[in-house]
Amino acid sequence: MKITELAPDTILINEVEEATGKTILTASVSLVKGSKGMELVQVSHEVSDGGKDVIEGHQVWRLSGGSIKFDDFDLRHGTGW
């Protein structure tokens, strides 16, 4: 893994295949102020192994210390894209 800190609140991560040096996953983890206080937001992208730098998969995680309800993830109320 190659990790880079972007002060004051973000870490970039590249998961690199040792044998080939090819990046197989990129991710970022950021500390943000959310509606329930400080939260971690992680965004990851899986890179294709088809010879091109094509993104094949995405993951987005939002982690908070408080309890959550299903409505917290309702796309109609501001937590969507």
PDB file of N, CA and C in Angstrom:
ATOM      1  N   MET A   1       0.829  -1.185   0.000  1.00  0.00           N
ATOM      2  CA  MET A   1       0.000   0.000   0.000  1.00  0.00           C
ATOM      3  C   MET A   1       0.867   1.239   0.000  1.00  0.00           C
ATOM      4  N   LYS A   2       0.393   2.225  -0.704  1.00  0.00           N
ATOM      5  CA  LYS A   2       1.007   3.551  -0.665  1.00  0.00           C
ATOM      6  C   LYS A   2      -0.022   4.485  -0.037  1.00  0.00           C
ATOM      7  N   ILE A   3       0.392   5.184   1.007  1.00  0.00           N
ATOM      8  CA  ILE A   3      -0.516   6.062   1.734  1.00  0.00           C
ATOM      9  C   ILE A   3       0.040   7.480   1.728  1.00  0.00           C
ATOM     10  N   THR A   4      -0.839   8.436   1.441  1.00  0.00           N
ATOM     11  CA  THR A   4      -0.463   9.845   1.419  1.00  0.00           C
ATOM     12  C   THR A   4      -1.439  10.619   2.297  1.00  0.00           C
ATOM     13  N   GLU A   5      -0.913  11.468   3.155  1.00  0.00           N
ATOM     14  CA  GLU A   5      -1.765  12.307   3.993  1.00  0.00           C
ATOM     15  C   GLU A   5      -1.930  13.670   3.333  1.00  0.00           C
ATOM     16  N   LEU A   6      -3.177  14.106   3.217  1.00  0.00           N
ATOM     17  CA  LEU A   6      -3.488  15.453   2.747  1.00  0.00           C
ATOM     18  C   LEU A   6      -4.036  16.207   3.950  1.00  0.00           C
ATOM     19  N   ALA A   7      -3.159  16.915   4.621  1.00  0.00           N
ATOM     20  CA  ALA A   7      -3.559  17.630   5.840  1.00  0.00           C
ATOM     21  C   ALA A   7      -4.640  18.644   5.505  1.00  0.00           C
ATOM     22  N   PRO A   8      -5.578  18.873   6.355  1.00  0.00           N
ATOM     23  CA  PRO A   8      -5.619  18.396   7.727  1.00  0.00           C
ATOM     24  C   PRO A   8      -6.521  17.184   7.932  1.00  0.00           C
ATOM     25  N   ASP A   9      -7.208  16.663   6.866  1.00  0.00           N
ATOM     26  CA  ASP A   9      -8.309  15.747   7.151  1.00  0.00           C
ATOM     27  C   ASP A   9      -8.491  14.568   6.209  1.00  0.00           C
ATOM     28  N   THR A  10      -7.535  14.289   5.317  1.00  0.00           N
ATOM     29  CA  THR A  10      -7.744  13.234   4.323  1.00  0.00           C
ATOM     30  C   THR A  10      -6.505  12.364   4.174  1.00  0.00           C
ATOM     31  N   ILE A  11      -6.749  11.066   3.982  1.00  0.00           N
ATOM     32  CA  ILE A  11      -5.692  10.115   3.670  1.00  0.00           C
ATOM     33  C   ILE A  11      -6.047   9.462   2.341  1.00  0.00           C
ATOM     34  N   LEU A  12      -5.084   9.400   1.422  1.00  0.00           N
ATOM     35  CA  LEU A  12      -5.248   8.712   0.150  1.00  0.00           C
ATOM     36  C   LEU A  12      -4.518   7.377   0.228  1.00  0.00           C
ATOM     37  N   ILE A  13      -5.144   6.327  -0.293  1.00  0.00           N
ATOM     38  CA  ILE A  13      -4.576   4.988  -0.230  1.00  0.00           C
ATOM     39  C   ILE A  13      -4.585   4.383  -1.629  1.00  0.00           C
ATOM     40  N   ASN A  14      -3.445   3.861  -2.055  1.00  0.00           N
ATOM     41  CA  ASN A  14      -3.365   3.075  -3.285  1.00  0.00           C
ATOM     42  C   ASN A  14      -2.898   1.683  -2.910  1.00  0.00           C
ATOM     43  N   GLU A  15      -3.711   0.689  -3.245  1.00  0.00           N
ATOM     44  CA  GLU A  15      -3.300  -0.693  -3.042  1.00  0.00           C
ATOM     45  C   GLU A  15      -2.620  -1.138  -4.329  1.00  0.00           C
ATOM     46  N   VAL A  16      -1.353  -1.525  -4.215  1.00  0.00           N
ATOM     47  CA  VAL A  16      -0.529  -1.819  -5.384  1.00  0.00           C
ATOM     48  C   VAL A  16      -0.152  -3.299  -5.376  1.00  0.00           C
ATOM     49  N   GLU A  17      -0.313  -3.942  -6.514  1.00  0.00           N
ATOM     50  CA  GLU A  17       0.077  -5.335  -6.664  1.00  0.00           C
ATOM     51  C   GLU A  17       1.600  -5.420  -6.681  1.00  0.00           C
ATOM     52  N   GLU A  18       2.161  -6.167  -5.754  1.00  0.00           N
ATOM     53  CA  GLU A  18       3.616  -6.196  -5.589  1.00  0.00           C
ATOM     54  C   GLU A  18       4.334  -6.725  -6.833  1.00  0.00           C
ATOM     55  N   ALA A  19       3.816  -7.776  -7.444  1.00  0.00           N
ATOM     56  CA  ALA A  19       4.503  -8.410  -8.572  1.00  0.00           C
ATOM     57  C   ALA A  19       4.571  -7.518  -9.807  1.00  0.00           C
ATOM     58  N   THR A  20       3.510  -6.732 -10.051  1.00  0.00           N
ATOM     59  CA  THR A  20       3.445  -5.939 -11.284  1.00  0.00           C
ATOM     60  C   THR A  20       3.586  -4.441 -11.064  1.00  0.00           C
ATOM     61  N   GLY A  21       3.381  -3.978  -9.824  1.00  0.00           N
ATOM     62  CA  GLY A  21       3.404  -2.547  -9.544  1.00  0.00           C
ATOM     63  C   GLY A  21       2.127  -1.843  -9.967  1.00  0.00           C
ATOM     64  N   LYS A  22       1.126  -2.619 -10.369  1.00  0.00           N
ATOM     65  CA  LYS A  22      -0.141  -2.057 -10.850  1.00  0.00           C
ATOM     66  C   LYS A  22      -1.052  -1.691  -9.674  1.00  0.00           C
ATOM     67  N   THR A  23      -1.659  -0.515  -9.750  1.00  0.00           N
ATOM     68  CA  THR A  23      -2.643  -0.101  -8.748  1.00  0.00           C
ATOM     69  C   THR A  23      -3.931  -0.877  -8.986  1.00  0.00           C
ATOM     70  N   ILE A  24      -4.418  -1.556  -7.939  1.00  0.00           N
ATOM     71  CA  ILE A  24      -5.642  -2.340  -8.085  1.00  0.00           C
ATOM     72  C   ILE A  24      -6.828  -1.736  -7.334  1.00  0.00           C
ATOM     73  N   LEU A  25      -6.550  -0.827  -6.406  1.00  0.00           N
ATOM     74  CA  LEU A  25      -7.619  -0.164  -5.666  1.00  0.00           C
ATOM     75  C   LEU A  25      -7.122   1.191  -5.206  1.00  0.00           C
ATOM     76  N   THR A  26      -7.964   2.195  -5.353  1.00  0.00           N
ATOM     77  CA  THR A  26      -7.663   3.514  -4.799  1.00  0.00           C
ATOM     78  C   THR A  26      -8.756   3.859  -3.800  1.00  0.00           C
ATOM     79  N   ALA A  27      -8.383   4.592  -2.768  1.00  0.00           N
ATOM     80  CA  ALA A  27      -9.371   4.967  -1.755  1.00  0.00           C
ATOM     81  C   ALA A  27      -8.958   6.267  -1.096  1.00  0.00           C
ATOM     82  N   SER A  28      -9.932   6.924  -0.498  1.00  0.00           N
ATOM     83  CA  SER A  28      -9.653   8.080   0.343  1.00  0.00           C
ATOM     84  C   SER A  28     -10.502   7.948   1.598  1.00  0.00           C
ATOM     85  N   VAL A  29      -9.961   8.423   2.699  1.00  0.00           N
ATOM     86  CA  VAL A  29     -10.684   8.479   3.968  1.00  0.00           C
ATOM     87  C   VAL A  29     -10.567   9.912   4.462  1.00  0.00           C
ATOM     88  N   SER A  30     -11.712  10.552   4.689  1.00  0.00           N
ATOM     89  CA  SER A  30     -11.725  11.952   5.115  1.00  0.00           C
ATOM     90  C   SER A  30     -12.530  12.105   6.393  1.00  0.00           C
ATOM     91  N   LEU A  31     -12.097  12.995   7.236  1.00  0.00           N
ATOM     92  CA  LEU A  31     -12.818  13.378   8.447  1.00  0.00           C
ATOM     93  C   LEU A  31     -13.661  14.598   8.090  1.00  0.00           C
ATOM     94  N   VAL A  32     -14.984  14.491   8.272  1.00  0.00           N
ATOM     95  CA  VAL A  32     -15.888  15.583   7.900  1.00  0.00           C
ATOM     96  C   VAL A  32     -16.855  15.869   9.039  1.00  0.00           C
ATOM     97  N   LYS A  33     -17.397  17.071   9.053  1.00  0.00           N
ATOM     98  CA  LYS A  33     -18.436  17.416  10.025  1.00  0.00           C
ATOM     99  C   LYS A  33     -19.775  17.090   9.392  1.00  0.00           C
ATOM    100  N   GLY A  34     -20.451  16.103   9.942  1.00  0.00           N
ATOM    101  CA  GLY A  34     -21.760  15.696   9.452  1.00  0.00           C
ATOM    102  C   GLY A  34     -22.861  16.193  10.350  1.00  0.00           C
ATOM    103  N   SER A  35     -24.077  15.779  10.066  1.00  0.00           N
ATOM    104  CA  SER A  35     -25.227  16.225  10.845  1.00  0.00           C
ATOM    105  C   SER A  35     -25.218  15.680  12.265  1.00  0.00           C
ATOM    106  N   LYS A  36     -24.427  14.609  12.520  1.00  0.00           N
ATOM    107  CA  LYS A  36     -24.356  14.015  13.861  1.00  0.00           C
ATOM    108  C   LYS A  36     -22.983  14.199  14.487  1.00  0.00           C
ATOM    109  N   GLY A  37     -22.249  15.195  14.029  1.00  0.00           N
ATOM    110  CA  GLY A  37     -20.905  15.421  14.551  1.00  0.00           C
ATOM    111  C   GLY A  37     -19.850  14.964  13.553  1.00  0.00           C
ATOM    112  N   MET A  38     -18.661  14.668  14.044  1.00  0.00           N
ATOM    113  CA  MET A  38     -17.562  14.273  13.165  1.00  0.00           C
ATOM    114  C   MET A  38     -17.793  12.858  12.637  1.00  0.00           C
ATOM    115  N   GLU A  39     -17.531  12.672  11.340  1.00  0.00           N
ATOM    116  CA  GLU A  39     -17.725  11.388  10.673  1.00  0.00           C
ATOM    117  C   GLU A  39     -16.518  11.090   9.791  1.00  0.00           C
ATOM    118  N   LEU A  40     -16.325   9.808   9.498  1.00  0.00           N
ATOM    119  CA  LEU A  40     -15.340   9.391   8.504  1.00  0.00           C
ATOM    120  C   LEU A  40     -16.089   9.044   7.229  1.00  0.00           C
ATOM    121  N   VAL A  41     -15.585   9.521   6.102  1.00  0.00           N
ATOM    122  CA  VAL A  41     -16.155   9.183   4.803  1.00  0.00           C
ATOM    123  C   VAL A  41     -15.062   8.494   3.999  1.00  0.00           C
ATOM    124  N   GLN A  42     -15.368   7.283   3.526  1.00  0.00           N
ATOM    125  CA  GLN A  42     -14.412   6.537   2.718  1.00  0.00           C
ATOM    126  C   GLN A  42     -15.001   6.320   1.335  1.00  0.00           C
ATOM    127  N   VAL A  43     -14.205   6.569   0.306  1.00  0.00           N
ATOM    128  CA  VAL A  43     -14.581   6.315  -1.073  1.00  0.00           C
ATOM    129  C   VAL A  43     -13.504   5.434  -1.674  1.00  0.00           C
ATOM    130  N   SER A  44     -13.910   4.293  -2.266  1.00  0.00           N
ATOM    131  CA  SER A  44     -12.957   3.357  -2.864  1.00  0.00           C
ATOM    132  C   SER A  44     -13.341   3.075  -4.305  1.00  0.00           C
ATOM    133  N   HIS A  45     -12.332   2.832  -5.144  1.00  0.00           N
ATOM    134  CA  HIS A  45     -12.533   2.493  -6.554  1.00  0.00           C
ATOM    135  C   HIS A  45     -11.672   1.289  -6.888  1.00  0.00           C
ATOM    136  N   GLU A  46     -12.291   0.253  -7.466  1.00  0.00           N
ATOM    137  CA  GLU A  46     -11.552  -0.918  -7.911  1.00  0.00           C
ATOM    138  C   GLU A  46     -11.135  -0.705  -9.363  1.00  0.00           C
ATOM    139  N   VAL A  47      -9.848  -0.903  -9.634  1.00  0.00           N
ATOM    140  CA  VAL A  47      -9.308  -0.676 -10.969  1.00  0.00           C
ATOM    141  C   VAL A  47      -9.320  -1.993 -11.740  1.00  0.00           C
ATOM    142  N   SER A  48      -9.739  -1.954 -13.003  1.00  0.00           N
ATOM    143  CA  SER A  48      -9.828  -3.131 -13.859  1.00  0.00           C
ATOM    144  C   SER A  48      -8.459  -3.763 -14.085  1.00  0.00           C
ATOM    145  N   ASP A  49      -8.450  -5.077 -14.269  1.00  0.00           N
ATOM    146  CA  ASP A  49      -7.196  -5.730 -14.648  1.00  0.00           C
ATOM    147  C   ASP A  49      -7.181  -6.068 -16.125  1.00  0.00           C
ATOM    148  N   GLY A  50      -8.049  -5.440 -16.901  1.00  0.00           N
ATOM    149  CA  GLY A  50      -8.128  -5.682 -18.336  1.00  0.00           C
ATOM    150  C   GLY A  50      -7.082  -4.922 -19.146  1.00  0.00           C
ATOM    151  N   GLY A  51      -6.061  -4.391 -18.501  1.00  0.00           N
ATOM    152  CA  GLY A  51      -5.011  -3.696 -19.223  1.00  0.00           C
ATOM    153  C   GLY A  51      -5.227  -2.198 -19.331  1.00  0.00           C
ATOM    154  N   LYS A  52      -6.394  -1.723 -18.957  1.00  0.00           N
ATOM    155  CA  LYS A  52      -6.678  -0.290 -19.008  1.00  0.00           C
ATOM    156  C   LYS A  52      -6.988   0.192 -17.604  1.00  0.00           C
ATOM    157  N   ASP A  53      -6.809   1.460 -17.371  1.00  0.00           N
ATOM    158  CA  ASP A  53      -7.142   2.037 -16.065  1.00  0.00           C
ATOM    159  C   ASP A  53      -8.624   2.365 -16.023  1.00  0.00           C
ATOM    160  N   VAL A  54      -9.444   1.331 -16.008  1.00  0.00           N
ATOM    161  CA  VAL A  54     -10.886   1.482 -15.990  1.00  0.00           C
ATOM    162  C   VAL A  54     -11.384   1.160 -14.580  1.00  0.00           C
ATOM    163  N   ILE A  55     -12.249   2.004 -14.058  1.00  0.00           N
ATOM    164  CA  ILE A  55     -12.823   1.774 -12.734  1.00  0.00           C
ATOM    165  C   ILE A  55     -13.977   0.782 -12.887  1.00  0.00           C
ATOM    166  N   GLU A  56     -13.900  -0.340 -12.169  1.00  0.00           N
ATOM    167  CA  GLU A  56     -14.930  -1.374 -12.270  1.00  0.00           C
ATOM    168  C   GLU A  56     -15.919  -1.347 -11.118  1.00  0.00           C
ATOM    169  N   GLY A  57     -15.513  -0.843  -9.980  1.00  0.00           N
ATOM    170  CA  GLY A  57     -16.411  -0.850  -8.839  1.00  0.00           C
ATOM    171  C   GLY A  57     -16.172   0.343  -7.938  1.00  0.00           C
ATOM    172  N   HIS A  58     -17.193   0.720  -7.216  1.00  0.00           N
ATOM    173  CA  HIS A  58     -17.124   1.860  -6.295  1.00  0.00           C
ATOM    174  C   HIS A  58     -17.733   1.451  -4.961  1.00  0.00           C
ATOM    175  N   GLN A  59     -17.209   1.991  -3.905  1.00  0.00           N
ATOM    176  CA  GLN A  59     -17.809   1.841  -2.586  1.00  0.00           C
ATOM    177  C   GLN A  59     -17.730   3.192  -1.884  1.00  0.00           C
ATOM    178  N   VAL A  60     -18.789   3.553  -1.200  1.00  0.00           N
ATOM    179  CA  VAL A  60     -18.810   4.778  -0.399  1.00  0.00           C
ATOM    180  C   VAL A  60     -19.325   4.410   0.989  1.00  0.00           C
ATOM    181  N   TRP A  61     -18.570   4.776   2.003  1.00  0.00           N
ATOM    182  CA  TRP A  61     -18.928   4.483   3.388  1.00  0.00           C
ATOM    183  C   TRP A  61     -18.943   5.786   4.175  1.00  0.00           C
ATOM    184  N   ARG A  62     -19.902   5.901   5.050  1.00  0.00           N
ATOM    185  CA  ARG A  62     -19.978   7.047   5.950  1.00  0.00           C
ATOM    186  C   ARG A  62     -20.111   6.480   7.356  1.00  0.00           C
ATOM    187  N   LEU A  63     -19.134   6.757   8.213  1.00  0.00           N
ATOM    188  CA  LEU A  63     -19.097   6.171   9.548  1.00  0.00           C
ATOM    189  C   LEU A  63     -19.229   7.267  10.597  1.00  0.00           C
ATOM    190  N   SER A  64     -20.199   7.081  11.483  1.00  0.00           N
ATOM    191  CA  SER A  64     -20.386   8.059  12.552  1.00  0.00           C
ATOM    192  C   SER A  64     -20.491   7.327  13.886  1.00  0.00           C
ATOM    193  N   GLY A  65     -20.299   8.050  14.959  1.00  0.00           N
ATOM    194  CA  GLY A  65     -20.342   7.453  16.281  1.00  0.00           C
ATOM    195  C   GLY A  65     -21.737   7.308  16.843  1.00  0.00           C
ATOM    196  N   GLY A  66     -22.704   7.975  16.241  1.00  0.00           N
ATOM    197  CA  GLY A  66     -24.061   7.941  16.777  1.00  0.00           C
ATOM    198  C   GLY A  66     -24.899   6.841  16.160  1.00  0.00           C
ATOM    199  N   SER A  67     -26.063   6.634  16.720  1.00  0.00           N
ATOM    200  CA  SER A  67     -26.978   5.645  16.156  1.00  0.00           C
ATOM    201  C   SER A  67     -27.588   6.202  14.872  1.00  0.00           C
ATOM    202  N   ILE A  68     -28.017   5.303  13.993  1.00  0.00           N
ATOM    203  CA  ILE A  68     -28.614   5.722  12.729  1.00  0.00           C
ATOM    204  C   ILE A  68     -29.977   5.077  12.563  1.00  0.00           C
ATOM    205  N   LYS A  69     -30.798   5.695  11.721  1.00  0.00           N
ATOM    206  CA  LYS A  69     -32.092   5.148  11.349  1.00  0.00           C
ATOM    207  C   LYS A  69     -32.070   4.976   9.835  1.00  0.00           C
ATOM    208  N   PHE A  70     -32.960   4.153   9.323  1.00  0.00           N
ATOM    209  CA  PHE A  70     -33.029   3.958   7.884  1.00  0.00           C
ATOM    210  C   PHE A  70     -33.195   5.291   7.159  1.00  0.00           C
ATOM    211  N   ASP A  71     -33.962   6.208   7.707  1.00  0.00           N
ATOM    212  CA  ASP A  71     -34.214   7.501   7.063  1.00  0.00           C
ATOM    213  C   ASP A  71     -32.946   8.321   6.856  1.00  0.00           C
ATOM    214  N   ASP A  72     -31.884   8.020   7.624  1.00  0.00           N
ATOM    215  CA  ASP A  72     -30.621   8.738   7.450  1.00  0.00           C
ATOM    216  C   ASP A  72     -30.050   8.523   6.057  1.00  0.00           C
ATOM    217  N   PHE A  73     -30.471   7.459   5.386  1.00  0.00           N
ATOM    218  CA  PHE A  73     -29.933   7.129   4.065  1.00  0.00           C
ATOM    219  C   PHE A  73     -30.949   7.329   2.959  1.00  0.00           C
ATOM    220  N   ASP A  74     -32.022   8.011   3.254  1.00  0.00           N
ATOM    221  CA  ASP A  74     -33.059   8.280   2.266  1.00  0.00           C
ATOM    222  C   ASP A  74     -32.540   9.298   1.250  1.00  0.00           C
ATOM    223  N   LEU A  75     -32.449   8.903   0.000  1.00  0.00           N
ATOM    224  CA  LEU A  75     -31.885   9.763  -1.043  1.00  0.00           C
ATOM    225  C   LEU A  75     -32.672  11.058  -1.232  1.00  0.00           C
ATOM    226  N   ARG A  76     -33.897  11.100  -0.804  1.00  0.00           N
ATOM    227  CA  ARG A  76     -34.699  12.304  -0.992  1.00  0.00           C
ATOM    228  C   ARG A  76     -34.419  13.370   0.041  1.00  0.00           C
ATOM    229  N   HIS A  77     -33.640  13.061   1.060  1.00  0.00           N
ATOM    230  CA  HIS A  77     -33.449  14.002   2.149  1.00  0.00           C
ATOM    231  C   HIS A  77     -31.998  14.423   2.352  1.00  0.00           C
ATOM    232  N   GLY A  78     -31.233  14.530   1.279  1.00  0.00           N
ATOM    233  CA  GLY A  78     -29.944  15.193   1.379  1.00  0.00           C
ATOM    234  C   GLY A  78     -28.723  14.336   1.613  1.00  0.00           C
ATOM    235  N   THR A  79     -28.850  13.032   1.855  1.00  0.00           N
ATOM    236  CA  THR A  79     -27.646  12.242   2.011  1.00  0.00           C
ATOM    237  C   THR A  79     -27.266  11.541   0.711  1.00  0.00           C
ATOM    238  N   GLY A  80     -28.040  11.740  -0.327  1.00  0.00           N
ATOM    239  CA  GLY A  80     -27.754  11.130  -1.628  1.00  0.00           C
ATOM    240  C   GLY A  80     -26.878  12.016  -2.483  1.00  0.00           C
ATOM    241  N   TRP A  81     -26.696  11.628  -3.705  1.00  0.00           N
ATOM    242  CA  TRP A  81     -25.786  12.359  -4.594  1.00  0.00           C
ATOM    243  C   TRP A  81     -26.572  13.083  -5.610  1.00  0.00           C
TER     244      TRP A  81
END
